[in-house]
Protein backbone atom coordinates (compact mmCIF):
# COMPACT_ATOMS: atom_id res chain seq x y z
CA UNK A 1 56.22 -29.81 29.61
CA UNK A 2 57.03 -29.64 25.95
CA UNK A 3 55.53 -26.24 25.48
CA UNK A 4 57.34 -24.77 28.33
CA UNK A 5 60.64 -26.18 26.85
CA UNK A 6 59.75 -24.61 23.67
CA UNK A 7 58.87 -21.22 25.23
CA UNK A 8 62.38 -21.22 26.77
CA UNK A 9 64.43 -22.60 23.94
CA UNK A 10 62.79 -20.67 20.80
CA UNK A 11 61.94 -17.30 19.69
CA UNK A 12 65.17 -15.49 21.02
CA UNK A 13 65.42 -11.85 19.60
CA UNK A 14 67.42 -8.84 20.44
CA UNK A 15 65.05 -7.21 22.95
CA UNK A 16 64.61 -10.82 24.69
CA UNK A 17 68.35 -11.03 24.93
CA UNK A 18 68.67 -7.48 26.29
CA UNK A 19 65.96 -8.10 29.17
CA UNK A 20 67.76 -11.22 30.03
CA UNK A 21 71.37 -9.31 30.09
CA UNK A 22 69.53 -6.42 32.08
CA UNK A 23 68.26 -8.94 34.69
CA UNK A 24 71.32 -10.66 35.18
CA UNK A 25 73.27 -7.45 35.49
CA UNK A 26 71.03 -5.80 37.98
CA UNK A 27 70.73 -9.17 40.16
CA UNK A 28 74.54 -9.09 40.54
CA UNK A 29 74.47 -5.13 41.09
CA UNK A 30 71.89 -5.86 43.88
CA UNK A 31 73.74 -8.82 45.37
CA UNK A 32 76.90 -6.66 45.40
CA UNK A 33 75.55 -3.63 46.80
CA UNK A 34 73.17 -5.57 49.17
CA UNK A 35 70.25 -3.55 47.92
CA UNK A 36 67.17 -5.97 47.73
CA UNK A 37 65.18 -3.10 45.87
CA UNK A 38 67.52 -3.70 42.88
CA UNK A 39 67.43 -7.31 43.26
CA UNK A 40 63.68 -7.11 43.09
CA UNK A 41 63.56 -5.16 40.08
CA UNK A 42 65.94 -7.43 38.33
CA UNK A 43 63.38 -10.15 38.66
CA UNK A 44 60.90 -8.21 36.72
CA UNK A 45 63.57 -8.23 33.70
CA UNK A 46 64.38 -11.91 34.38
CA UNK A 47 60.68 -12.92 34.30
CA UNK A 48 60.06 -10.92 31.10
CA UNK A 49 63.13 -12.66 29.36
CA UNK A 50 62.35 -16.22 30.50
CA UNK A 51 58.48 -15.82 29.71
CA UNK A 52 59.06 -13.92 26.56
CA UNK A 53 56.81 -11.27 27.53
CA UNK A 54 56.77 -7.44 27.55
CA UNK A 55 55.16 -5.04 29.95
CA UNK A 56 51.98 -5.19 28.40
CA UNK A 57 51.59 -9.21 28.42
CA UNK A 58 51.65 -11.66 25.47
CA UNK A 59 50.48 -9.55 22.63
CA UNK A 60 49.30 -6.59 24.70
CA UNK A 61 49.86 -4.15 21.86
CA UNK A 62 48.25 -6.31 19.33
CA UNK A 63 46.29 -4.57 16.57
CA UNK A 64 43.62 -6.77 14.72
CA UNK A 65 43.85 -6.72 11.17
CA UNK A 66 40.97 -5.12 8.94
CA UNK A 67 38.19 -7.58 8.18
CA UNK A 68 37.27 -8.68 4.56
CA UNK A 69 33.85 -6.46 4.67
CA UNK A 70 34.06 -2.61 4.34
CA UNK A 71 35.01 -0.71 7.64
CA UNK A 72 34.12 2.98 8.07
CA UNK A 73 37.05 5.34 8.63
CA UNK A 74 36.91 7.69 11.43
CA UNK A 75 35.81 10.58 9.05
CA UNK A 76 32.93 8.37 7.84
CA UNK A 77 31.54 7.50 11.37
CA UNK A 78 28.43 9.33 12.00
CA UNK A 79 28.59 11.53 15.11
CA UNK A 80 25.18 12.08 17.37
CA UNK A 81 25.08 15.31 18.94
CA UNK A 82 22.62 16.03 21.97
CA UNK A 83 21.37 19.20 22.63
CA UNK A 84 22.39 20.55 26.26
CA UNK A 85 19.91 23.40 27.59
């Protein structure tokens, strides 16, 4: 229970506040217009704001750091060619 409380109450940044605002705004607009599609779309934004996830999920766009050992760059990677007859 403590982790859920921490996730809800910490790490609020501009994008998370924007998602929450968009979700609430779309929910109100969907209720006023009696449009269930807009209301369902608002659930998407509200879910992202509450769980602090993005479209890709938690760390979906994460790029790993380079390891301590030497890594080959794209230009240094050997290319294998196969002859087609």
